């Protein structure tokens, strides 16, 4: 009986999107070491990601969250609009509950942090290829924290963001067209909801929860 000819393993294609070339190279090396995976293309921002996706139709796309030209969440949204079956993984350093929930709402199938171990990243890719979702433990914990938090009113949120920008009560009042007494009332409600007693603590907690960004 002639020897059976083994068919080559089916390989899944991966698109890597990150504005840091060194990170793309490192992730590509990890992926290309796997017999069933290979990197089909790389992109440095969201606009390039969409073009590369349309050109190569990868089985899985890894995207950073903060990138020039177009951020990761918007790229996810636009790619999913073009292909509702697209499998997209956010790979980032940002882990606020707001970032995580935005990414998942846009259509990302997984959310992992850049300190993930190589074998865990490969496991995540395989999970997504199998049609499953994957959340890094730290991301899942942050998302749970966000679900249980007290919601802020639009005016309280605006006041919080102006305060994070360094505006005084008087400046906030002028910006919003309200009295300083009303600003103090909003701050009192904010402090109570966030469980803090000072402006500095409020900004720190709000930043951790993704309510404000200090870019």
N, C-alpha and C. Protein backbone atom coordinates (compact mmCIF):
# COMPACT_ATOMS: atom_id res chain seq x y z
N UNK A 1 0.86 -1.19 0.00
CA UNK A 1 0.00 0.00 0.00
C UNK A 1 0.90 1.24 0.00
N UNK A 2 0.63 2.17 -0.92
CA UNK A 2 1.49 3.37 -0.95
C UNK A 2 1.27 4.22 0.28
N UNK A 3 2.32 4.92 0.64
CA UNK A 3 2.22 5.80 1.82
C UNK A 3 1.20 6.91 1.55
N UNK A 4 0.37 7.17 2.58
CA UNK A 4 -0.63 8.23 2.46
C UNK A 4 0.07 9.59 2.44
N UNK A 5 -0.42 10.47 1.57
CA UNK A 5 0.14 11.81 1.49
C UNK A 5 -0.63 12.71 2.42
N UNK A 6 0.07 13.27 3.38
CA UNK A 6 -0.59 14.13 4.35
C UNK A 6 -0.80 15.52 3.76
N UNK A 7 -2.02 15.98 3.89
CA UNK A 7 -2.34 17.32 3.39
C UNK A 7 -1.70 18.36 4.31
N UNK A 8 -1.23 19.45 3.75
CA UNK A 8 -0.65 20.51 4.59
C UNK A 8 -1.71 21.09 5.51
N UNK A 9 -1.33 21.53 6.71
CA UNK A 9 -2.32 22.07 7.64
C UNK A 9 -2.97 23.34 7.09
N UNK A 10 -4.25 23.50 7.38
CA UNK A 10 -4.94 24.72 6.97
C UNK A 10 -4.42 25.87 7.82
N UNK A 11 -4.02 26.94 7.18
CA UNK A 11 -3.44 28.08 7.90
C UNK A 11 -4.40 29.26 7.84
N UNK A 12 -4.59 29.91 8.98
CA UNK A 12 -5.46 31.07 9.07
C UNK A 12 -4.63 32.34 8.98
N UNK A 13 -5.13 33.31 8.24
CA UNK A 13 -4.39 34.55 8.02
C UNK A 13 -4.71 35.58 9.09
N UNK A 14 -3.71 36.37 9.46
CA UNK A 14 -3.85 37.38 10.51
C UNK A 14 -3.33 38.73 10.00
N UNK A 15 -4.11 39.77 10.24
CA UNK A 15 -3.70 41.15 9.95
C UNK A 15 -3.36 41.82 11.26
N UNK A 16 -2.18 42.46 11.34
CA UNK A 16 -1.74 43.15 12.55
C UNK A 16 -1.79 44.65 12.32
N UNK A 17 -2.48 45.37 13.21
CA UNK A 17 -2.62 46.82 13.07
C UNK A 17 -2.13 47.50 14.34
N UNK A 18 -1.05 48.25 14.23
CA UNK A 18 -0.49 48.98 15.37
C UNK A 18 0.44 50.05 14.85
N UNK A 19 0.48 51.21 15.49
CA UNK A 19 1.33 52.28 14.99
C UNK A 19 2.79 52.13 15.43
N UNK A 20 3.10 51.11 16.22
CA UNK A 20 4.49 50.87 16.63
C UNK A 20 5.05 49.68 15.84
N UNK A 21 6.00 49.96 14.96
CA UNK A 21 6.55 48.93 14.08
C UNK A 21 7.21 47.80 14.87
N UNK A 22 7.88 48.14 15.97
CA UNK A 22 8.57 47.12 16.77
C UNK A 22 7.57 46.12 17.35
N UNK A 23 6.44 46.63 17.82
CA UNK A 23 5.42 45.73 18.37
C UNK A 23 4.85 44.84 17.27
N UNK A 24 4.58 45.42 16.10
CA UNK A 24 4.07 44.61 14.99
C UNK A 24 5.03 43.47 14.67
N UNK A 25 6.33 43.79 14.66
CA UNK A 25 7.33 42.76 14.36
C UNK A 25 7.32 41.66 15.40
N UNK A 26 7.24 42.03 16.68
CA UNK A 26 7.22 41.04 17.74
C UNK A 26 6.01 40.13 17.68
N UNK A 27 4.84 40.72 17.47
CA UNK A 27 3.61 39.93 17.37
C UNK A 27 3.64 39.04 16.13
N UNK A 28 4.15 39.57 15.03
CA UNK A 28 4.24 38.78 13.80
C UNK A 28 5.14 37.57 14.00
N UNK A 29 6.25 37.74 14.71
CA UNK A 29 7.15 36.61 14.97
C UNK A 29 6.46 35.52 15.78
N UNK A 30 5.67 35.94 16.76
CA UNK A 30 4.94 34.97 17.58
C UNK A 30 3.94 34.19 16.72
N UNK A 31 3.19 34.91 15.90
CA UNK A 31 2.16 34.28 15.09
C UNK A 31 2.76 33.38 14.02
N UNK A 32 3.80 33.84 13.36
CA UNK A 32 4.39 33.06 12.26
C UNK A 32 5.10 31.80 12.73
N UNK A 33 5.32 31.67 14.03
CA UNK A 33 5.90 30.43 14.56
C UNK A 33 4.86 29.33 14.66
N UNK A 34 3.59 29.68 14.55
CA UNK A 34 2.52 28.69 14.64
C UNK A 34 2.27 28.05 13.28
N UNK A 35 2.11 26.72 13.26
CA UNK A 35 1.93 26.02 11.99
C UNK A 35 0.61 26.38 11.32
N UNK A 36 -0.38 26.75 12.10
CA UNK A 36 -1.71 26.99 11.52
C UNK A 36 -2.05 28.47 11.39
N UNK A 37 -1.07 29.36 11.62
CA UNK A 37 -1.31 30.80 11.51
C UNK A 37 -0.20 31.46 10.70
N UNK A 38 -0.54 32.56 10.03
CA UNK A 38 0.50 33.36 9.37
C UNK A 38 0.00 34.79 9.23
N UNK A 39 0.94 35.72 9.28
CA UNK A 39 0.61 37.13 9.14
C UNK A 39 0.54 37.47 7.66
N UNK A 40 -0.63 37.93 7.22
CA UNK A 40 -0.83 38.22 5.80
C UNK A 40 -0.48 39.67 5.47
N UNK A 41 -0.59 40.56 6.48
CA UNK A 41 -0.30 41.97 6.24
C UNK A 41 -0.19 42.72 7.56
N UNK A 42 0.40 43.91 7.50
CA UNK A 42 0.49 44.79 8.66
C UNK A 42 -0.01 46.18 8.27
N UNK A 43 -0.51 46.94 9.25
CA UNK A 43 -0.97 48.31 9.02
C UNK A 43 -0.62 49.14 10.23
N UNK A 44 -0.44 50.46 10.01
CA UNK A 44 0.01 51.35 11.08
C UNK A 44 -1.09 52.24 11.65
N UNK A 45 -2.29 52.21 11.07
CA UNK A 45 -3.40 53.01 11.60
C UNK A 45 -4.72 52.45 11.09
N UNK A 46 -5.82 53.04 11.55
CA UNK A 46 -7.13 52.51 11.21
C UNK A 46 -7.46 52.59 9.73
N UNK A 47 -7.05 53.67 9.07
CA UNK A 47 -7.33 53.80 7.64
C UNK A 47 -6.59 52.73 6.84
N UNK A 48 -5.32 52.52 7.18
CA UNK A 48 -4.56 51.46 6.52
C UNK A 48 -5.16 50.09 6.83
N UNK A 49 -5.70 49.94 8.04
CA UNK A 49 -6.30 48.67 8.44
C UNK A 49 -7.48 48.31 7.54
N UNK A 50 -8.34 49.29 7.28
CA UNK A 50 -9.51 49.04 6.43
C UNK A 50 -9.07 48.65 5.03
N UNK A 51 -8.09 49.38 4.49
CA UNK A 51 -7.59 49.07 3.14
C UNK A 51 -6.98 47.67 3.10
N UNK A 52 -6.18 47.31 4.13
CA UNK A 52 -5.55 45.99 4.17
C UNK A 52 -6.60 44.89 4.33
N UNK A 53 -7.63 45.17 5.12
CA UNK A 53 -8.68 44.17 5.31
C UNK A 53 -9.39 43.91 3.99
N UNK A 54 -9.72 44.96 3.27
CA UNK A 54 -10.43 44.79 2.00
C UNK A 54 -9.55 44.08 0.96
N UNK A 55 -8.23 44.28 1.05
CA UNK A 55 -7.32 43.66 0.09
C UNK A 55 -7.08 42.18 0.40
N UNK A 56 -6.95 41.85 1.69
CA UNK A 56 -6.52 40.49 2.06
C UNK A 56 -7.61 39.63 2.69
N UNK A 57 -8.68 40.23 3.18
CA UNK A 57 -9.75 39.49 3.87
C UNK A 57 -9.18 38.48 4.88
N UNK A 58 -8.44 38.96 5.88
CA UNK A 58 -7.82 38.06 6.86
C UNK A 58 -8.87 37.32 7.68
N UNK A 59 -8.46 36.17 8.21
CA UNK A 59 -9.36 35.41 9.08
C UNK A 59 -9.51 36.09 10.44
N UNK A 60 -8.44 36.75 10.90
CA UNK A 60 -8.46 37.46 12.18
C UNK A 60 -7.66 38.76 12.02
N UNK A 61 -8.15 39.81 12.67
CA UNK A 61 -7.42 41.08 12.67
C UNK A 61 -7.14 41.51 14.10
N UNK A 62 -5.87 41.84 14.39
CA UNK A 62 -5.47 42.37 15.69
C UNK A 62 -5.30 43.88 15.55
N UNK A 63 -5.97 44.66 16.41
CA UNK A 63 -5.88 46.12 16.30
C UNK A 63 -5.54 46.75 17.63
N UNK A 64 -4.68 47.78 17.57
CA UNK A 64 -4.43 48.62 18.73
C UNK A 64 -5.63 49.55 18.90
N UNK A 65 -5.74 50.17 20.08
CA UNK A 65 -6.87 51.06 20.35
C UNK A 65 -6.56 52.49 19.95
N UNK A 66 -5.43 53.02 20.39
CA UNK A 66 -5.06 54.41 20.10
C UNK A 66 -4.06 54.43 18.94
N UNK A 67 -4.50 55.00 17.82
CA UNK A 67 -3.64 55.10 16.65
C UNK A 67 -3.90 56.42 15.94
N UNK A 68 -2.93 56.91 15.17
CA UNK A 68 -3.16 58.14 14.39
C UNK A 68 -4.12 57.86 13.24
N UNK A 69 -4.61 58.93 12.64
CA UNK A 69 -5.51 58.86 11.48
C UNK A 69 -6.91 58.34 11.83
N UNK A 70 -6.98 57.16 12.43
CA UNK A 70 -8.26 56.59 12.85
C UNK A 70 -8.03 55.62 14.00
N UNK A 71 -8.77 55.77 15.09
CA UNK A 71 -8.59 54.90 16.25
C UNK A 71 -9.12 53.50 15.98
N UNK A 72 -8.73 52.59 16.87
CA UNK A 72 -9.09 51.19 16.69
C UNK A 72 -10.57 50.90 16.70
N UNK A 73 -11.32 51.53 17.61
CA UNK A 73 -12.76 51.25 17.71
C UNK A 73 -13.47 51.66 16.43
N UNK A 74 -13.11 52.81 15.87
CA UNK A 74 -13.75 53.24 14.62
C UNK A 74 -13.38 52.31 13.47
N UNK A 75 -12.14 51.83 13.47
CA UNK A 75 -11.72 50.87 12.45
C UNK A 75 -12.52 49.58 12.58
N UNK A 76 -12.72 49.11 13.81
CA UNK A 76 -13.54 47.92 14.04
C UNK A 76 -14.94 48.13 13.49
N UNK A 77 -15.51 49.29 13.81
CA UNK A 77 -16.88 49.58 13.37
C UNK A 77 -16.98 49.57 11.84
N UNK A 78 -16.01 50.18 11.17
CA UNK A 78 -16.08 50.27 9.72
C UNK A 78 -15.79 48.93 9.04
N UNK A 79 -14.89 48.15 9.61
CA UNK A 79 -14.62 46.83 9.06
C UNK A 79 -15.83 45.92 9.22
N UNK A 80 -16.47 45.98 10.38
CA UNK A 80 -17.66 45.16 10.60
C UNK A 80 -18.81 45.59 9.69
N UNK A 81 -18.86 46.88 9.35
CA UNK A 81 -19.89 47.35 8.43
C UNK A 81 -19.67 46.74 7.04
N UNK A 82 -18.41 46.54 6.68
CA UNK A 82 -18.09 45.93 5.39
C UNK A 82 -18.25 44.42 5.41
N UNK A 83 -17.93 43.82 6.56
CA UNK A 83 -18.02 42.36 6.70
C UNK A 83 -18.49 42.02 8.11
N UNK A 84 -19.79 41.77 8.28
CA UNK A 84 -20.34 41.47 9.62
C UNK A 84 -19.73 40.22 10.26
N UNK A 85 -19.08 39.38 9.48
CA UNK A 85 -18.47 38.16 10.02
C UNK A 85 -17.01 38.35 10.39
N UNK A 86 -16.49 39.56 10.22
CA UNK A 86 -15.07 39.81 10.51
C UNK A 86 -14.75 39.50 11.97
N UNK A 87 -13.62 38.83 12.19
CA UNK A 87 -13.17 38.50 13.54
C UNK A 87 -12.08 39.48 13.94
N UNK A 88 -12.38 40.29 14.94
CA UNK A 88 -11.48 41.39 15.31
C UNK A 88 -11.10 41.31 16.78
N UNK A 89 -9.81 41.48 17.05
CA UNK A 89 -9.29 41.43 18.41
C UNK A 89 -8.60 42.75 18.74
N UNK A 90 -8.98 43.37 19.84
CA UNK A 90 -8.29 44.58 20.31
C UNK A 90 -7.10 44.14 21.16
N UNK A 91 -5.91 44.63 20.80
CA UNK A 91 -4.68 44.35 21.55
C UNK A 91 -4.09 45.69 21.94
N UNK A 92 -4.18 46.05 23.21
CA UNK A 92 -3.88 47.42 23.62
C UNK A 92 -3.29 47.47 25.02
N UNK A 93 -2.86 48.67 25.42
CA UNK A 93 -2.41 48.89 26.80
C UNK A 93 -3.52 49.52 27.64
N UNK A 94 -4.62 49.94 27.00
CA UNK A 94 -5.69 50.65 27.70
C UNK A 94 -6.74 49.67 28.20
N UNK A 95 -7.09 49.80 29.48
CA UNK A 95 -8.01 48.81 30.07
C UNK A 95 -9.15 49.44 30.86
N UNK A 96 -9.58 50.67 30.50
CA UNK A 96 -10.73 51.25 31.20
C UNK A 96 -12.00 50.54 30.74
N UNK A 97 -12.99 50.51 31.64
CA UNK A 97 -14.24 49.83 31.28
C UNK A 97 -14.92 50.49 30.09
N UNK A 98 -14.73 51.82 29.95
CA UNK A 98 -15.34 52.52 28.83
C UNK A 98 -14.70 52.10 27.51
N UNK A 99 -13.37 51.97 27.48
CA UNK A 99 -12.69 51.53 26.26
C UNK A 99 -13.14 50.12 25.89
N UNK A 100 -13.21 49.24 26.90
CA UNK A 100 -13.59 47.85 26.64
C UNK A 100 -15.00 47.75 26.10
N UNK A 101 -15.94 48.44 26.75
CA UNK A 101 -17.34 48.36 26.32
C UNK A 101 -17.53 48.97 24.94
N UNK A 102 -16.81 50.07 24.63
CA UNK A 102 -16.90 50.67 23.29
C UNK A 102 -16.41 49.69 22.22
N UNK A 103 -15.32 49.02 22.50
CA UNK A 103 -14.77 48.07 21.54
C UNK A 103 -15.72 46.90 21.29
N UNK A 104 -16.30 46.38 22.36
CA UNK A 104 -17.22 45.25 22.22
C UNK A 104 -18.50 45.67 21.50
N UNK A 105 -18.99 46.87 21.81
CA UNK A 105 -20.19 47.35 21.12
C UNK A 105 -19.93 47.55 19.63
N UNK A 106 -18.71 47.94 19.28
CA UNK A 106 -18.36 48.16 17.87
C UNK A 106 -18.25 46.85 17.09
N UNK A 107 -18.07 45.73 17.82
CA UNK A 107 -18.01 44.45 17.15
C UNK A 107 -16.76 43.63 17.38
N UNK A 108 -15.86 44.09 18.26
CA UNK A 108 -14.66 43.30 18.57
C UNK A 108 -15.06 42.00 19.25
N UNK A 109 -14.38 40.92 18.90
CA UNK A 109 -14.67 39.61 19.49
C UNK A 109 -13.79 39.30 20.69
N UNK A 110 -12.73 40.09 20.88
CA UNK A 110 -11.84 39.84 22.00
C UNK A 110 -11.15 41.15 22.38
N UNK A 111 -10.73 41.21 23.64
CA UNK A 111 -10.04 42.40 24.16
C UNK A 111 -8.93 41.91 25.07
N UNK A 112 -7.69 42.11 24.65
CA UNK A 112 -6.54 41.65 25.44
C UNK A 112 -5.54 42.79 25.58
N UNK A 113 -4.72 42.68 26.61
CA UNK A 113 -3.72 43.72 26.91
C UNK A 113 -2.35 43.29 26.39
N UNK A 114 -1.50 44.27 26.13
CA UNK A 114 -0.21 43.99 25.50
C UNK A 114 0.78 43.26 26.41
N UNK A 115 0.44 43.13 27.69
CA UNK A 115 1.32 42.34 28.56
C UNK A 115 0.95 40.86 28.53
N UNK A 116 0.06 40.46 27.62
CA UNK A 116 -0.37 39.07 27.51
C UNK A 116 0.81 38.18 27.11
N UNK A 117 0.85 36.97 27.64
CA UNK A 117 1.90 36.02 27.28
C UNK A 117 1.66 35.53 25.85
N UNK A 118 2.75 35.11 25.19
CA UNK A 118 2.65 34.67 23.80
C UNK A 118 1.67 33.52 23.63
N UNK A 119 1.73 32.52 24.52
CA UNK A 119 0.82 31.38 24.37
C UNK A 119 -0.62 31.78 24.62
N UNK A 120 -0.84 32.75 25.50
CA UNK A 120 -2.20 33.21 25.76
C UNK A 120 -2.74 33.98 24.55
N UNK A 121 -1.89 34.74 23.87
CA UNK A 121 -2.31 35.45 22.67
C UNK A 121 -2.72 34.46 21.58
N UNK A 122 -1.93 33.43 21.40
CA UNK A 122 -2.26 32.40 20.40
C UNK A 122 -3.57 31.71 20.77
N UNK A 123 -3.75 31.43 22.06
CA UNK A 123 -5.00 30.80 22.51
C UNK A 123 -6.19 31.70 22.23
N UNK A 124 -6.01 33.01 22.43
CA UNK A 124 -7.06 33.98 22.15
C UNK A 124 -7.44 33.95 20.66
N UNK A 125 -6.43 33.95 19.80
CA UNK A 125 -6.68 33.91 18.35
C UNK A 125 -7.46 32.65 17.98
N UNK A 126 -7.06 31.53 18.54
CA UNK A 126 -7.76 30.27 18.25
C UNK A 126 -9.20 30.30 18.75
N UNK A 127 -9.43 30.92 19.92
CA UNK A 127 -10.79 31.04 20.44
C UNK A 127 -11.66 31.85 19.48
N UNK A 128 -11.12 32.96 19.01
CA UNK A 128 -11.87 33.82 18.10
C UNK A 128 -12.11 33.12 16.77
N UNK A 129 -11.12 32.38 16.27
CA UNK A 129 -11.30 31.61 15.04
C UNK A 129 -12.41 30.57 15.19
N UNK A 130 -12.58 30.09 16.41
CA UNK A 130 -13.61 29.09 16.69
C UNK A 130 -14.98 29.72 16.91
N UNK A 131 -15.05 31.04 16.76
CA UNK A 131 -16.34 31.71 16.90
C UNK A 131 -16.67 32.15 18.31
N UNK A 132 -15.68 32.11 19.20
CA UNK A 132 -15.91 32.47 20.59
C UNK A 132 -15.41 33.89 20.87
N UNK A 133 -15.79 34.41 22.02
CA UNK A 133 -15.27 35.70 22.46
C UNK A 133 -14.23 35.47 23.55
N UNK A 134 -13.36 36.46 23.73
CA UNK A 134 -12.28 36.30 24.71
C UNK A 134 -12.01 37.65 25.36
N UNK A 135 -12.00 37.66 26.69
CA UNK A 135 -11.65 38.86 27.44
C UNK A 135 -10.50 38.54 28.38
N UNK A 136 -9.45 39.34 28.34
CA UNK A 136 -8.38 39.18 29.32
C UNK A 136 -8.97 39.33 30.72
N UNK A 137 -8.49 38.56 31.70
CA UNK A 137 -9.06 38.64 33.06
C UNK A 137 -9.12 40.07 33.60
N UNK A 138 -8.06 40.85 33.37
CA UNK A 138 -8.05 42.23 33.86
C UNK A 138 -9.13 43.06 33.17
N UNK A 139 -9.33 42.82 31.87
CA UNK A 139 -10.35 43.55 31.12
C UNK A 139 -11.74 43.16 31.61
N UNK A 140 -11.94 41.87 31.88
CA UNK A 140 -13.24 41.43 32.36
C UNK A 140 -13.56 42.06 33.71
N UNK A 141 -12.55 42.18 34.57
CA UNK A 141 -12.76 42.79 35.88
C UNK A 141 -13.12 44.27 35.74
N UNK A 142 -12.43 44.98 34.85
CA UNK A 142 -12.73 46.39 34.63
C UNK A 142 -14.14 46.57 34.05
N UNK A 143 -14.54 45.66 33.16
CA UNK A 143 -15.86 45.75 32.57
C UNK A 143 -16.93 45.53 33.63
N UNK A 144 -16.68 44.60 34.53
CA UNK A 144 -17.63 44.35 35.62
C UNK A 144 -17.73 45.57 36.53
N UNK A 145 -16.60 46.23 36.76
CA UNK A 145 -16.60 47.43 37.59
C UNK A 145 -17.45 48.52 36.94
N UNK A 146 -17.34 48.63 35.63
CA UNK A 146 -18.11 49.66 34.93
C UNK A 146 -19.60 49.39 34.95
N UNK A 147 -19.99 48.12 34.88
CA UNK A 147 -21.41 47.76 34.89
C UNK A 147 -22.06 48.16 36.20
N UNK A 148 -21.30 48.07 37.29
CA UNK A 148 -21.87 48.33 38.61
C UNK A 148 -21.75 49.78 39.05
N UNK A 149 -21.08 50.62 38.26
CA UNK A 149 -20.87 51.98 38.71
C UNK A 149 -22.15 52.82 38.58
N UNK A 150 -22.24 53.86 39.38
CA UNK A 150 -23.35 54.79 39.31
C UNK A 150 -23.19 55.66 38.07
N UNK A 151 -24.27 55.84 37.33
CA UNK A 151 -24.22 56.63 36.11
C UNK A 151 -24.26 58.12 36.42
N UNK A 152 -23.50 58.91 35.68
CA UNK A 152 -23.50 60.35 35.83
C UNK A 152 -24.46 60.99 34.83
N UNK A 153 -25.05 62.11 35.22
CA UNK A 153 -25.89 62.85 34.29
C UNK A 153 -25.00 63.53 33.26
N UNK A 154 -25.55 63.90 32.09
CA UNK A 154 -24.74 64.59 31.08
C UNK A 154 -24.07 65.86 31.63
N UNK A 155 -24.78 66.63 32.45
CA UNK A 155 -24.20 67.86 32.99
C UNK A 155 -23.09 67.54 33.99
N UNK A 156 -23.28 66.50 34.81
CA UNK A 156 -22.23 66.10 35.75
C UNK A 156 -20.98 65.63 35.00
N UNK A 157 -21.19 64.89 33.91
CA UNK A 157 -20.06 64.39 33.12
C UNK A 157 -19.31 65.55 32.46
N UNK A 158 -20.05 66.52 31.95
CA UNK A 158 -19.40 67.69 31.35
C UNK A 158 -18.60 68.46 32.39
N UNK A 159 -19.18 68.64 33.58
CA UNK A 159 -18.49 69.32 34.67
C UNK A 159 -17.21 68.57 35.04
N UNK A 160 -17.30 67.26 35.10
CA UNK A 160 -16.15 66.42 35.44
C UNK A 160 -15.03 66.60 34.41
N UNK A 161 -15.37 66.60 33.15
CA UNK A 161 -14.35 66.71 32.11
C UNK A 161 -13.72 68.10 32.08
N UNK A 162 -14.51 69.14 32.35
CA UNK A 162 -13.94 70.49 32.43
C UNK A 162 -13.00 70.59 33.64
N UNK A 163 -13.39 69.98 34.74
CA UNK A 163 -12.55 69.97 35.92
C UNK A 163 -11.24 69.24 35.64
N UNK A 164 -11.32 68.12 34.90
CA UNK A 164 -10.12 67.36 34.54
C UNK A 164 -9.21 68.17 33.63
N UNK A 165 -9.79 69.09 32.87
CA UNK A 165 -9.00 69.97 32.00
C UNK A 165 -8.34 71.10 32.79
N UNK A 166 -8.61 71.16 34.11
CA UNK A 166 -7.97 72.15 34.96
C UNK A 166 -8.76 73.42 35.16
N UNK A 167 -10.02 73.45 34.72
CA UNK A 167 -10.82 74.66 34.89
C UNK A 167 -11.28 74.82 36.35
N UNK A 168 -11.28 76.06 36.83
CA UNK A 168 -11.77 76.36 38.17
C UNK A 168 -13.29 76.36 38.17
N UNK A 169 -13.87 76.43 39.37
CA UNK A 169 -15.34 76.50 39.46
C UNK A 169 -15.87 77.70 38.68
N UNK A 170 -15.17 78.83 38.78
CA UNK A 170 -15.61 80.04 38.09
C UNK A 170 -15.56 79.85 36.57
N UNK A 171 -14.48 79.21 36.09
CA UNK A 171 -14.35 78.97 34.64
C UNK A 171 -15.39 77.98 34.15
N UNK A 172 -15.66 76.94 34.95
CA UNK A 172 -16.69 75.96 34.57
C UNK A 172 -18.05 76.64 34.47
N UNK A 173 -18.33 77.51 35.46
CA UNK A 173 -19.60 78.23 35.47
C UNK A 173 -19.75 79.07 34.21
N UNK A 174 -18.66 79.75 33.82
CA UNK A 174 -18.70 80.60 32.63
C UNK A 174 -18.87 79.76 31.37
N UNK A 175 -18.16 78.63 31.30
CA UNK A 175 -18.25 77.76 30.13
C UNK A 175 -19.65 77.20 29.94
N UNK A 176 -20.28 76.80 31.05
CA UNK A 176 -21.60 76.16 30.98
C UNK A 176 -22.75 77.16 31.08
N UNK A 177 -22.42 78.41 31.40
CA UNK A 177 -23.47 79.41 31.54
C UNK A 177 -24.35 79.19 32.76
N UNK A 178 -23.73 78.74 33.85
CA UNK A 178 -24.46 78.50 35.09
C UNK A 178 -23.75 79.22 36.22
N UNK A 179 -24.35 79.22 37.40
CA UNK A 179 -23.74 79.90 38.55
C UNK A 179 -22.69 79.01 39.19
N UNK A 180 -21.79 79.64 39.96
CA UNK A 180 -20.79 78.87 40.69
C UNK A 180 -21.45 77.97 41.72
N UNK A 181 -22.56 78.42 42.29
CA UNK A 181 -23.27 77.59 43.27
C UNK A 181 -23.75 76.29 42.60
N UNK A 182 -24.24 76.39 41.36
CA UNK A 182 -24.69 75.20 40.64
C UNK A 182 -23.51 74.28 40.33
N UNK A 183 -22.36 74.87 40.00
CA UNK A 183 -21.17 74.07 39.76
C UNK A 183 -20.80 73.29 41.03
N UNK A 184 -20.85 73.96 42.18
CA UNK A 184 -20.52 73.30 43.45
C UNK A 184 -21.52 72.17 43.73
N UNK A 185 -22.76 72.36 43.34
CA UNK A 185 -23.77 71.30 43.53
C UNK A 185 -23.43 70.09 42.67
N UNK A 186 -23.06 70.35 41.40
CA UNK A 186 -22.67 69.25 40.51
C UNK A 186 -21.45 68.51 41.06
N UNK A 187 -20.47 69.27 41.57
CA UNK A 187 -19.27 68.64 42.12
C UNK A 187 -19.60 67.81 43.35
N UNK A 188 -20.51 68.30 44.18
CA UNK A 188 -20.91 67.55 45.37
C UNK A 188 -21.52 66.21 44.97
N UNK A 189 -22.39 66.23 43.95
CA UNK A 189 -23.00 64.99 43.47
C UNK A 189 -21.95 64.06 42.85
N UNK A 190 -21.02 64.65 42.11
CA UNK A 190 -19.94 63.86 41.50
C UNK A 190 -19.11 63.15 42.56
N UNK A 191 -18.68 63.90 43.57
CA UNK A 191 -17.85 63.33 44.62
C UNK A 191 -18.57 62.17 45.32
N UNK A 192 -19.86 62.36 45.55
CA UNK A 192 -20.63 61.31 46.23
C UNK A 192 -20.73 60.05 45.36
N UNK A 193 -21.02 60.23 44.08
CA UNK A 193 -21.17 59.08 43.18
C UNK A 193 -19.86 58.35 42.95
N UNK A 194 -18.76 59.10 42.90
CA UNK A 194 -17.45 58.48 42.67
C UNK A 194 -16.80 57.99 43.95
N UNK A 195 -17.37 58.35 45.09
CA UNK A 195 -16.82 57.92 46.37
C UNK A 195 -15.52 58.60 46.70
N UNK A 196 -15.41 59.91 46.38
CA UNK A 196 -14.17 60.65 46.62
C UNK A 196 -14.49 61.92 47.41
N UNK A 197 -13.43 62.61 47.83
CA UNK A 197 -13.62 63.82 48.64
C UNK A 197 -12.87 65.03 48.09
N UNK A 198 -12.20 64.86 46.95
CA UNK A 198 -11.44 66.00 46.39
C UNK A 198 -11.45 65.95 44.87
N UNK A 199 -11.10 67.09 44.27
CA UNK A 199 -11.03 67.17 42.81
C UNK A 199 -9.96 66.22 42.26
N UNK A 200 -8.81 66.16 42.95
CA UNK A 200 -7.72 65.29 42.49
C UNK A 200 -8.16 63.83 42.48
N UNK A 201 -8.81 63.40 43.56
CA UNK A 201 -9.30 62.02 43.63
C UNK A 201 -10.35 61.76 42.55
N UNK A 202 -11.22 62.73 42.33
CA UNK A 202 -12.28 62.57 41.34
C UNK A 202 -11.69 62.35 39.95
N UNK A 203 -10.68 63.14 39.60
CA UNK A 203 -10.04 63.00 38.28
C UNK A 203 -9.33 61.66 38.17
N UNK A 204 -8.65 61.24 39.23
CA UNK A 204 -7.94 59.96 39.21
C UNK A 204 -8.90 58.79 39.01
N UNK A 205 -9.99 58.77 39.78
CA UNK A 205 -10.98 57.69 39.68
C UNK A 205 -11.66 57.73 38.31
N UNK A 206 -12.01 58.93 37.85
CA UNK A 206 -12.69 59.07 36.56
C UNK A 206 -11.79 58.61 35.41
N UNK A 207 -10.50 58.89 35.52
CA UNK A 207 -9.55 58.46 34.49
C UNK A 207 -9.45 56.94 34.47
N UNK A 208 -9.35 56.34 35.65
CA UNK A 208 -9.25 54.88 35.74
C UNK A 208 -10.48 54.20 35.15
N UNK A 209 -11.64 54.83 35.32
CA UNK A 209 -12.88 54.24 34.82
C UNK A 209 -13.20 54.64 33.38
N UNK A 210 -12.34 55.44 32.78
CA UNK A 210 -12.54 55.81 31.39
C UNK A 210 -13.54 56.91 31.16
N UNK A 211 -13.93 57.62 32.23
CA UNK A 211 -14.89 58.72 32.10
C UNK A 211 -14.23 59.96 31.50
N UNK A 212 -12.94 60.12 31.76
CA UNK A 212 -12.18 61.23 31.18
C UNK A 212 -10.84 60.66 30.68
N UNK A 213 -10.23 61.39 29.75
CA UNK A 213 -8.91 60.99 29.23
C UNK A 213 -7.98 62.18 29.36
N UNK A 214 -6.82 61.92 29.90
CA UNK A 214 -5.82 62.98 30.05
C UNK A 214 -4.77 62.83 28.96
N UNK A 215 -5.18 63.04 27.71
CA UNK A 215 -4.26 62.88 26.56
C UNK A 215 -3.39 64.12 26.42
